Amino acid sequence: CKTIEECKELYKRLAKTMHPDMGGSTDDFQAMFD
């Protein structure tokens, strides 16, 4: 990612699959969020 906007877009895409409510792991989601 080169811009904050790219980071936000990627975060939204990743959150859709990595969030614990979407079947992802809490640890993996927390690492990605951090």
Full PDB file with SEQRES, HELIX, SHEET, SSBOND, CRYST1, ORIGX, SCALE, CONECT and MASTER records, all heavy atoms in Angstrom:
SEQRES   1 A   34  CYS LYS THR ILE GLU GLU CYS LYS GLU LEU TYR LYS ARG          
SEQRES   2 A   34  LEU ALA LYS THR MET HIS PRO ASP MET GLY GLY SER THR          
SEQRES   3 A   34  ASP ASP PHE GLN ALA MET PHE ASP                              
HELIX    1 AA1 ILE A    4  MET A   18  1                                  15    
HELIX    2 AA2 PRO A   20  MET A   22  5                                   3    
HELIX    3 AA3 THR A   26  PHE A   33  1                                   8    
CRYST1    1.000    1.000    1.000  90.00  90.00  90.00 P 1           1          
ORIGX1      1.000000  0.000000  0.000000        0.00000                         
ORIGX2      0.000000  1.000000  0.000000        0.00000                         
ORIGX3      0.000000  0.000000  1.000000        0.00000                         
SCALE1      1.000000  0.000000  0.000000        0.00000                         
SCALE2      0.000000  1.000000  0.000000        0.00000                         
SCALE3      0.000000  0.000000  1.000000        0.00000                         
ATOM      1  N   CYS A   1       0.836  -1.199   0.000  1.00  0.00           N  
ATOM      2  CA  CYS A   1       0.000   0.000   0.000  1.00  0.00           C  
ATOM      3  C   CYS A   1       0.870   1.246   0.000  1.00  0.00           C  
ATOM      4  O   CYS A   1       1.813   1.356   0.783  1.00  0.00           O  
ATOM      5  CB  CYS A   1      -0.915   0.016   1.220  1.00  0.00           C  
ATOM      6  SG  CYS A   1      -2.166  -1.273   1.197  1.00  0.00           S  
ATOM      7  N   LYS A   2       0.528   2.176  -0.871  1.00  0.00           N  
ATOM      8  CA  LYS A   2       1.292   3.417  -0.964  1.00  0.00           C  
ATOM      9  C   LYS A   2       0.532   4.610  -0.390  1.00  0.00           C  
ATOM     10  O   LYS A   2       1.123   5.634  -0.125  1.00  0.00           O  
ATOM     11  CB  LYS A   2       1.661   3.690  -2.415  1.00  0.00           C  
ATOM     12  CG  LYS A   2       2.641   2.683  -2.962  1.00  0.00           C  
ATOM     13  CD  LYS A   2       3.054   3.002  -4.368  1.00  0.00           C  
ATOM     14  CE  LYS A   2       4.118   2.012  -4.796  1.00  0.00           C  
ATOM     15  NZ  LYS A   2       3.952   1.467  -6.080  1.00  0.00           N  
ATOM     16  N   THR A   3      -0.777   4.475  -0.232  1.00  0.00           N  
ATOM     17  CA  THR A   3      -1.580   5.581   0.286  1.00  0.00           C  
ATOM     18  C   THR A   3      -2.490   5.075   1.397  1.00  0.00           C  
ATOM     19  O   THR A   3      -2.754   3.866   1.511  1.00  0.00           O  
ATOM     20  CB  THR A   3      -2.458   6.207  -0.810  1.00  0.00           C  
ATOM     21  OG1 THR A   3      -3.436   5.242  -1.227  1.00  0.00           O  
ATOM     22  CG2 THR A   3      -1.629   6.670  -2.010  1.00  0.00           C  
ATOM     23  N   ILE A   4      -2.997   6.012   2.175  1.00  0.00           N  
ATOM     24  CA  ILE A   4      -3.946   5.656   3.228  1.00  0.00           C  
ATOM     25  C   ILE A   4      -5.214   5.084   2.602  1.00  0.00           C  
ATOM     26  O   ILE A   4      -5.796   4.135   3.138  1.00  0.00           O  
ATOM     27  CB  ILE A   4      -4.250   6.883   4.108  1.00  0.00           C  
ATOM     28  CG1 ILE A   4      -2.998   7.279   4.885  1.00  0.00           C  
ATOM     29  CG2 ILE A   4      -5.405   6.608   5.053  1.00  0.00           C  
ATOM     30  CD1 ILE A   4      -3.103   8.573   5.645  1.00  0.00           C  
ATOM     31  N   GLU A   5      -5.619   5.633   1.469  1.00  0.00           N  
ATOM     32  CA  GLU A   5      -6.823   5.142   0.804  1.00  0.00           C  
ATOM     33  C   GLU A   5      -6.668   3.672   0.400  1.00  0.00           C  
ATOM     34  O   GLU A   5      -7.599   2.880   0.543  1.00  0.00           O  
ATOM     35  CB  GLU A   5      -7.153   5.992  -0.436  1.00  0.00           C  
ATOM     36  CG  GLU A   5      -7.615   7.391  -0.112  1.00  0.00           C  
ATOM     37  CD  GLU A   5      -6.493   8.325   0.340  1.00  0.00           C  
ATOM     38  OE1 GLU A   5      -5.326   8.121  -0.076  1.00  0.00           O  
ATOM     39  OE2 GLU A   5      -6.772   9.237   1.120  1.00  0.00           O  
ATOM     40  N   GLU A   6      -5.481   3.312  -0.111  1.00  0.00           N  
ATOM     41  CA  GLU A   6      -5.229   1.911  -0.460  1.00  0.00           C  
ATOM     42  C   GLU A   6      -5.309   1.032   0.783  1.00  0.00           C  
ATOM     43  O   GLU A   6      -5.848  -0.079   0.733  1.00  0.00           O  
ATOM     44  CB  GLU A   6      -3.860   1.754  -1.118  1.00  0.00           C  
ATOM     45  CG  GLU A   6      -3.782   2.270  -2.527  1.00  0.00           C  
ATOM     46  CD  GLU A   6      -2.392   2.133  -3.130  1.00  0.00           C  
ATOM     47  OE1 GLU A   6      -1.495   1.540  -2.480  1.00  0.00           O  
ATOM     48  OE2 GLU A   6      -2.185   2.620  -4.254  1.00  0.00           O  
ATOM     49  N   CYS A   7      -4.773   1.515   1.890  1.00  0.00           N  
ATOM     50  CA  CYS A   7      -4.835   0.758   3.149  1.00  0.00           C  
ATOM     51  C   CYS A   7      -6.283   0.543   3.582  1.00  0.00           C  
ATOM     52  O   CYS A   7      -6.665  -0.561   3.988  1.00  0.00           O  
ATOM     53  CB  CYS A   7      -4.079   1.485   4.252  1.00  0.00           C  
ATOM     54  SG  CYS A   7      -2.298   1.473   4.073  1.00  0.00           S  
ATOM     55  N   LYS A   8      -7.084   1.601   3.501  1.00  0.00           N  
ATOM     56  CA  LYS A   8      -8.492   1.498   3.905  1.00  0.00           C  
ATOM     57  C   LYS A   8      -9.244   0.494   3.045  1.00  0.00           C  
ATOM     58  O   LYS A   8     -10.018  -0.326   3.564  1.00  0.00           O  
ATOM     59  CB  LYS A   8      -9.167   2.869   3.820  1.00  0.00           C  
ATOM     60  CG  LYS A   8      -8.746   3.813   4.910  1.00  0.00           C  
ATOM     61  CD  LYS A   8      -9.444   5.160   4.754  1.00  0.00           C  
ATOM     62  CE  LYS A   8      -8.982   6.136   5.808  1.00  0.00           C  
ATOM     63  NZ  LYS A   8      -9.620   7.455   5.665  1.00  0.00           N  
ATOM     64  N   GLU A   9      -9.024   0.557   1.738  1.00  0.00           N  
ATOM     65  CA  GLU A   9      -9.701  -0.370   0.836  1.00  0.00           C  
ATOM     66  C   GLU A   9      -9.307  -1.814   1.135  1.00  0.00           C  
ATOM     67  O   GLU A   9     -10.159  -2.706   1.192  1.00  0.00           O  
ATOM     68  CB  GLU A   9      -9.378  -0.030  -0.614  1.00  0.00           C  
ATOM     69  CG  GLU A   9     -10.044   1.228  -1.110  1.00  0.00           C  
ATOM     70  CD  GLU A   9      -9.607   1.594  -2.529  1.00  0.00           C  
ATOM     71  OE1 GLU A   9      -9.205   0.694  -3.285  1.00  0.00           O  
ATOM     72  OE2 GLU A   9      -9.666   2.791  -2.856  1.00  0.00           O  
ATOM     73  N   LEU A  10      -8.010  -2.047   1.331  1.00  0.00           N  
ATOM     74  CA  LEU A  10      -7.543  -3.394   1.631  1.00  0.00           C  
ATOM     75  C   LEU A  10      -8.078  -3.862   2.978  1.00  0.00           C  
ATOM     76  O   LEU A  10      -8.505  -5.006   3.125  1.00  0.00           O  
ATOM     77  CB  LEU A  10      -6.010  -3.452   1.608  1.00  0.00           C  
ATOM     78  CG  LEU A  10      -5.394  -4.808   1.915  1.00  0.00           C  
ATOM     79  CD1 LEU A  10      -5.908  -5.890   0.955  1.00  0.00           C  
ATOM     80  CD2 LEU A  10      -3.868  -4.722   1.855  1.00  0.00           C  
ATOM     81  N   TYR A  11      -8.077  -2.968   3.961  1.00  0.00           N  
ATOM     82  CA  TYR A  11      -8.603  -3.322   5.279  1.00  0.00           C  
ATOM     83  C   TYR A  11     -10.056  -3.783   5.170  1.00  0.00           C  
ATOM     84  O   TYR A  11     -10.441  -4.806   5.739  1.00  0.00           O  
ATOM     85  CB  TYR A  11      -8.494  -2.141   6.245  1.00  0.00           C  
ATOM     86  CG  TYR A  11      -9.189  -2.404   7.552  1.00  0.00           C  
ATOM     87  CD1 TYR A  11      -8.592  -3.197   8.529  1.00  0.00           C  
ATOM     88  CD2 TYR A  11     -10.461  -1.900   7.802  1.00  0.00           C  
ATOM     89  CE1 TYR A  11      -9.244  -3.473   9.722  1.00  0.00           C  
ATOM     90  CE2 TYR A  11     -11.117  -2.168   8.989  1.00  0.00           C  
ATOM     91  CZ  TYR A  11     -10.503  -2.950   9.940  1.00  0.00           C  
ATOM     92  OH  TYR A  11     -11.148  -3.234  11.122  1.00  0.00           O  
ATOM     93  N   LYS A  12     -10.870  -3.042   4.431  1.00  0.00           N  
ATOM     94  CA  LYS A  12     -12.283  -3.402   4.276  1.00  0.00           C  
ATOM     95  C   LYS A  12     -12.430  -4.777   3.623  1.00  0.00           C  
ATOM     96  O   LYS A  12     -13.260  -5.593   4.048  1.00  0.00           O  
ATOM     97  CB  LYS A  12     -13.022  -2.346   3.451  1.00  0.00           C  
ATOM     98  CG  LYS A  12     -13.238  -1.051   4.202  1.00  0.00           C  
ATOM     99  CD  LYS A  12     -13.887  -0.021   3.301  1.00  0.00           C  
ATOM    100  CE  LYS A  12     -13.978   1.331   3.990  1.00  0.00           C  
ATOM    101  NZ  LYS A  12     -14.551   2.354   3.104  1.00  0.00           N  
ATOM    102  N   ARG A  13     -11.613  -5.031   2.588  1.00  0.00           N  
ATOM    103  CA  ARG A  13     -11.680  -6.339   1.911  1.00  0.00           C  
ATOM    104  C   ARG A  13     -11.268  -7.466   2.853  1.00  0.00           C  
ATOM    105  O   ARG A  13     -11.914  -8.512   2.921  1.00  0.00           O  
ATOM    106  CB  ARG A  13     -10.784  -6.350   0.666  1.00  0.00           C  
ATOM    107  CG  ARG A  13     -11.378  -5.633  -0.525  1.00  0.00           C  
ATOM    108  CD  ARG A  13     -10.687  -5.991  -1.843  1.00  0.00           C  
ATOM    109  NE  ARG A  13      -9.243  -6.108  -1.776  1.00  0.00           N  
ATOM    110  CZ  ARG A  13      -8.384  -5.144  -2.119  1.00  0.00           C  
ATOM    111  NH1 ARG A  13      -8.825  -3.981  -2.549  1.00  0.00           N  
ATOM    112  NH2 ARG A  13      -7.080  -5.346  -2.043  1.00  0.00           N  
ATOM    113  N   LEU A  14     -10.181  -7.245   3.581  1.00  0.00           N  
ATOM    114  CA  LEU A  14      -9.696  -8.278   4.496  1.00  0.00           C  
ATOM    115  C   LEU A  14     -10.670  -8.504   5.654  1.00  0.00           C  
ATOM    116  O   LEU A  14     -10.878  -9.640   6.083  1.00  0.00           O  
ATOM    117  CB  LEU A  14      -8.314  -7.901   5.043  1.00  0.00           C  
ATOM    118  CG  LEU A  14      -7.167  -7.917   4.041  1.00  0.00           C  
ATOM    119  CD1 LEU A  14      -5.907  -7.323   4.666  1.00  0.00           C  
ATOM    120  CD2 LEU A  14      -6.903  -9.325   3.541  1.00  0.00           C  
ATOM    121  N   ALA A  15     -11.258  -7.426   6.165  1.00  0.00           N  
ATOM    122  CA  ALA A  15     -12.172  -7.546   7.299  1.00  0.00           C  
ATOM    123  C   ALA A  15     -13.385  -8.399   6.949  1.00  0.00           C  
ATOM    124  O   ALA A  15     -13.921  -9.107   7.810  1.00  0.00           O  
ATOM    125  CB  ALA A  15     -12.603  -6.157   7.767  1.00  0.00           C  
ATOM    126  N   LYS A  16     -13.796  -8.366   5.694  1.00  0.00           N  
ATOM    127  CA  LYS A  16     -14.962  -9.150   5.275  1.00  0.00           C  
ATOM    128  C   LYS A  16     -14.729 -10.651   5.409  1.00  0.00           C  
ATOM    129  O   LYS A  16     -15.683 -11.415   5.566  1.00  0.00           O  
ATOM    130  CB  LYS A  16     -15.344  -8.808   3.838  1.00  0.00           C  
ATOM    131  CG  LYS A  16     -15.973  -7.437   3.714  1.00  0.00           C  
ATOM    132  CD  LYS A  16     -16.303  -7.117   2.271  1.00  0.00           C  
ATOM    133  CE  LYS A  16     -16.876  -5.715   2.175  1.00  0.00           C  
ATOM    134  NZ  LYS A  16     -17.145  -5.329   0.784  1.00  0.00           N  
ATOM    135  N   THR A  17     -13.478 -11.062   5.331  1.00  0.00           N  
ATOM    136  CA  THR A  17     -13.201 -12.497   5.450  1.00  0.00           C  
ATOM    137  C   THR A  17     -12.483 -12.860   6.751  1.00  0.00           C  
ATOM    138  O   THR A  17     -12.623 -13.972   7.245  1.00  0.00           O  
ATOM    139  CB  THR A  17     -12.335 -12.989   4.273  1.00  0.00           C  
ATOM    140  OG1 THR A  17     -11.117 -12.258   4.247  1.00  0.00           O  
ATOM    141  CG2 THR A  17     -13.078 -12.833   2.956  1.00  0.00           C  
ATOM    142  N   MET A  18     -11.760 -11.913   7.323  1.00  0.00           N  
ATOM    143  CA  MET A  18     -10.947 -12.232   8.497  1.00  0.00           C  
ATOM    144  C   MET A  18     -11.640 -11.957   9.836  1.00  0.00           C  
ATOM    145  O   MET A  18     -11.206 -12.465  10.864  1.00  0.00           O  
ATOM    146  CB  MET A  18      -9.623 -11.456   8.459  1.00  0.00           C  
ATOM    147  CG  MET A  18      -8.715 -11.858   7.328  1.00  0.00           C  
ATOM    148  SD  MET A  18      -7.163 -10.948   7.354  1.00  0.00           S  
ATOM    149  CE  MET A  18      -6.342 -11.738   8.732  1.00  0.00           C  
ATOM    150  N   HIS A  19     -12.685 -11.134   9.823  1.00  0.00           N  
ATOM    151  CA  HIS A  19     -13.350 -10.793  11.075  1.00  0.00           C  
ATOM    152  C   HIS A  19     -13.928 -12.058  11.713  1.00  0.00           C  
ATOM    153  O   HIS A  19     -14.479 -12.921  11.002  1.00  0.00           O  
ATOM    154  CB  HIS A  19     -14.459  -9.764  10.822  1.00  0.00           C  
ATOM    155  CG  HIS A  19     -14.931  -9.134  12.083  1.00  0.00           C  
ATOM    156  ND1 HIS A  19     -15.846  -9.731  12.914  1.00  0.00           N  
ATOM    157  CD2 HIS A  19     -14.590  -7.951  12.659  1.00  0.00           C  
ATOM    158  CE1 HIS A  19     -16.063  -8.951  13.948  1.00  0.00           C  
ATOM    159  NE2 HIS A  19     -15.317  -7.855  13.814  1.00  0.00           N  
ATOM    160  N   PRO A  20     -13.828 -12.181  13.041  1.00  0.00           N  
ATOM    161  CA  PRO A  20     -14.361 -13.367  13.711  1.00  0.00           C  
ATOM    162  C   PRO A  20     -15.854 -13.601  13.438  1.00  0.00           C  
ATOM    163  O   PRO A  20     -16.296 -14.753  13.353  1.00  0.00           O  
ATOM    164  CB  PRO A  20     -14.110 -13.077  15.192  1.00  0.00           C  
ATOM    165  CG  PRO A  20     -12.955 -12.145  15.199  1.00  0.00           C  
ATOM    166  CD  PRO A  20     -13.087 -11.312  13.966  1.00  0.00           C  
ATOM    167  N   ASP A  21     -16.607 -12.535  13.265  1.00  0.00           N  
ATOM    168  CA  ASP A  21     -18.035 -12.701  12.960  1.00  0.00           C  
ATOM    169  C   ASP A  21     -18.269 -13.267  11.556  1.00  0.00           C  
ATOM    170  O   ASP A  21     -19.371 -13.711  11.243  1.00  0.00           O  
ATOM    171  CB  ASP A  21     -18.770 -11.363  13.080  1.00  0.00           C  
ATOM    172  CG  ASP A  21     -18.848 -10.877  14.521  1.00  0.00           C  
ATOM    173  OD1 ASP A  21     -18.582 -11.688  15.438  1.00  0.00           O  
ATOM    174  OD2 ASP A  21     -19.146  -9.687  14.730  1.00  0.00           O  
ATOM    175  N   MET A  22     -17.227 -13.217  10.730  1.00  0.00           N  
ATOM    176  CA  MET A  22     -17.337 -13.728   9.366  1.00  0.00           C  
ATOM    177  C   MET A  22     -16.614 -15.071   9.226  1.00  0.00           C  
ATOM    178  O   MET A  22     -16.335 -15.519   8.133  1.00  0.00           O  
ATOM    179  CB  MET A  22     -16.745 -12.723   8.366  1.00  0.00           C  
ATOM    180  CG  MET A  22     -17.378 -11.343   8.443  1.00  0.00           C  
ATOM    181  SD  MET A  22     -19.146 -11.373   8.174  1.00  0.00           S  
ATOM    182  CE  MET A  22     -19.191 -11.432   6.408  1.00  0.00           C  
ATOM    183  N   GLY A  23     -16.267 -15.667  10.351  1.00  0.00           N  
ATOM    184  CA  GLY A  23     -15.632 -16.978  10.338  1.00  0.00           C  
ATOM    185  C   GLY A  23     -14.117 -16.947  10.436  1.00  0.00           C  
ATOM    186  O   GLY A  23     -13.462 -17.977  10.378  1.00  0.00           O  
ATOM    187  N   GLY A  24     -13.547 -15.750  10.595  1.00  0.00           N  
ATOM    188  CA  GLY A  24     -12.093 -15.637  10.701  1.00  0.00           C  
ATOM    189  C   GLY A  24     -11.607 -15.829  12.128  1.00  0.00           C  
ATOM    190  O   GLY A  24     -12.392 -15.879  13.078  1.00  0.00           O  
ATOM    191  N   SER A  25     -10.332 -15.906  12.256  1.00  0.00           N  
ATOM    192  CA  SER A  25      -9.688 -16.090  13.553  1.00  0.00           C  
ATOM    193  C   SER A  25      -9.517 -14.740  14.255  1.00  0.00           C  
ATOM    194  O   SER A  25      -9.110 -13.760  13.633  1.00  0.00           O  
ATOM    195  CB  SER A  25      -8.320 -16.740  13.338  1.00  0.00           C  
ATOM    196  OG  SER A  25      -7.438 -16.456  14.389  1.00  0.00           O  
ATOM    197  N   THR A  26      -9.813 -14.711  15.542  1.00  0.00           N  
ATOM    198  CA  THR A  26      -9.638 -13.486  16.324  1.00  0.00           C  
ATOM    199  C   THR A  26      -8.184 -13.036  16.301  1.00  0.00           C  
ATOM    200  O   THR A  26      -7.898 -11.845  16.118  1.00  0.00           O  
ATOM    201  CB  THR A  26     -10.103 -13.703  17.781  1.00  0.00           C  
ATOM    202  OG1 THR A  26     -11.468 -14.099  17.766  1.00  0.00           O  
ATOM    203  CG2 THR A  26      -9.943 -12.448  18.607  1.00  0.00           C  
ATOM    204  N   ASP A  27      -7.259 -13.962  16.446  1.00  0.00           N  
ATOM    205  CA  ASP A  27      -5.835 -13.621  16.465  1.00  0.00           C  
ATOM    206  C   ASP A  27      -5.365 -13.064  15.120  1.00  0.00           C  
ATOM    207  O   ASP A  27      -4.637 -12.080  15.074  1.00  0.00           O  
ATOM    208  CB  ASP A  27      -4.986 -14.835  16.845  1.00  0.00           C  
ATOM    209  CG  ASP A  27      -5.175 -15.246  18.305  1.00  0.00           C  
ATOM    210  OD1 ASP A  27      -5.614 -14.391  19.113  1.00  0.00           O  
ATOM    211  OD2 ASP A  27      -4.894 -16.419  18.629  1.00  0.00           O  
ATOM    212  N   ASP A  28      -5.784 -13.711  14.041  1.00  0.00           N  
ATOM    213  CA  ASP A  28      -5.394 -13.238  12.705  1.00  0.00           C  
ATOM    214  C   ASP A  28      -5.979 -11.855  12.421  1.00  0.00           C  
ATOM    215  O   ASP A  28      -5.296 -10.978  11.888  1.00  0.00           O  
ATOM    216  CB  ASP A  28      -5.848 -14.214  11.615  1.00  0.00           C  
ATOM    217  CG  ASP A  28      -5.066 -15.514  11.634  1.00  0.00           C  
ATOM    218  OD1 ASP A  28      -3.984 -15.557  12.270  1.00  0.00           O  
ATOM    219  OD2 ASP A  28      -5.539 -16.489  11.015  1.00  0.00           O  
ATOM    220  N   PHE A  29      -7.251 -11.667  12.785  1.00  0.00           N  
ATOM    221  CA  PHE A  29      -7.882 -10.367  12.560  1.00  0.00           C  
ATOM    222  C   PHE A  29      -7.173  -9.290  13.382  1.00  0.00           C  
ATOM    223  O   PHE A  29      -6.895  -8.199  12.873  1.00  0.00           O  
ATOM    224  CB  PHE A  29      -9.370 -10.401  12.909  1.00  0.00           C  
ATOM    225  CG  PHE A  29     -10.040  -9.077  12.700  1.00  0.00           C  
ATOM    226  CD1 PHE A  29     -10.421  -8.676  11.426  1.00  0.00           C  
ATOM    227  CD2 PHE A  29     -10.271  -8.213  13.756  1.00  0.00           C  
ATOM    228  CE1 PHE A  29     -11.022  -7.442  11.211  1.00  0.00           C  
ATOM    229  CE2 PHE A  29     -10.868  -6.983  13.557  1.00  0.00           C  
ATOM    230  CZ  PHE A  29     -11.247  -6.602  12.285  1.00  0.00           C  
ATOM    231  N   GLN A  30      -6.862  -9.606  14.630  1.00  0.00           N  
ATOM    232  CA  GLN A  30      -6.195  -8.622  15.494  1.00  0.00           C  
ATOM    233  C   GLN A  30      -4.821  -8.270  14.944  1.00  0.00           C  
ATOM    234  O   GLN A  30      -4.428  -7.099  14.946  1.00  0.00           O  
ATOM    235  CB  GLN A  30      -6.064  -9.157  16.926  1.00  0.00           C  
ATOM    236  CG  GLN A  30      -5.542  -8.123  17.908  1.00  0.00           C  
ATOM    237  CD  GLN A  30      -6.482  -6.939  18.062  1.00  0.00           C  
ATOM    238  OE1 GLN A  30      -7.657  -7.116  18.306  1.00  0.00           O  
ATOM    239  NE2 GLN A  30      -5.958  -5.735  17.923  1.00  0.00           N  
ATOM    240  N   ALA A  31      -4.093  -9.257  14.442  1.00  0.00           N  
ATOM    241  CA  ALA A  31      -2.774  -8.992  13.854  1.00  0.00           C  
ATOM    242  C   ALA A  31      -2.904  -8.093  12.624  1.00  0.00           C  
ATOM    243  O   ALA A  31      -2.131  -7.140  12.449  1.00  0.00           O  
ATOM    244  CB  ALA A  31      -2.085 -10.306  13.486  1.00  0.00           C  
ATOM    245  N   MET A  32      -3.901  -8.374  11.788  1.00  0.00           N  
ATOM    246  CA  MET A  32      -4.124  -7.547  10.598  1.00  0.00           C  
ATOM    247  C   MET A  32      -4.520  -6.132  10.996  1.00  0.00           C  
ATOM    248  O   MET A  32      -4.019  -5.153  10.460  1.00  0.00           O  
ATOM    249  CB  MET A  32      -5.212  -8.190   9.725  1.00  0.00           C  
ATOM    250  CG  MET A  32      -5.503  -7.477   8.414  1.00  0.00           C  
ATOM    251  SD  MET A  32      -6.739  -6.157   8.490  1.00  0.00           S  
ATOM    252  CE  MET A  32      -8.228  -7.022   8.924  1.00  0.00           C  
ATOM    253  N   PHE A  33      -5.418  -6.009  11.979  1.00  0.00           N  
ATOM    254  CA  PHE A  33      -5.865  -4.697  12.436  1.00  0.00           C  
ATOM    255  C   PHE A  33      -4.707  -3.902  13.044  1.00  0.00           C  
ATOM    256  O   PHE A  33      -4.555  -2.704  12.783  1.00  0.00           O  
ATOM    257  CB  PHE A  33      -6.997  -4.839  13.460  1.00  0.00           C  
ATOM    258  CG  PHE A  33      -7.468  -3.529  13.996  1.00  0.00           C  
ATOM    259  CD1 PHE A  33      -8.284  -2.707  13.228  1.00  0.00           C  
ATOM    260  CD2 PHE A  33      -7.092  -3.105  15.259  1.00  0.00           C  
ATOM    261  CE1 PHE A  33      -8.719  -1.476  13.720  1.00  0.00           C  
ATOM    262  CE2 PHE A  33      -7.518  -1.878  15.752  1.00  0.00           C  
ATOM    263  CZ  PHE A  33      -8.332  -1.064  14.981  1.00  0.00           C  
ATOM    264  N   ASP A  34      -3.869  -4.553  13.835  1.00  0.00           N  
ATOM    265  CA  ASP A  34      -2.707  -3.887  14.430  1.00  0.00           C  
ATOM    266  C   ASP A  34      -1.759  -3.362  13.352  1.00  0.00           C  
ATOM    267  O   ASP A  34      -1.249  -2.247  13.441  1.00  0.00           O  
ATOM    268  CB  ASP A  34      -1.953  -4.830  15.378  1.00  0.00           C  
ATOM    269  CG  ASP A  34      -2.734  -5.143  16.645  1.00  0.00           C  
ATOM    270  OD1 ASP A  34      -3.710  -4.419  16.945  1.00  0.00           O  
ATOM    271  OD2 ASP A  34      -2.374  -6.122  17.332  1.00  0.00           O  
TER     272      ASP A  34                                                      
MASTER        0    0    0    3    0    0    0    6  271    1    0    3          
END                                                                             
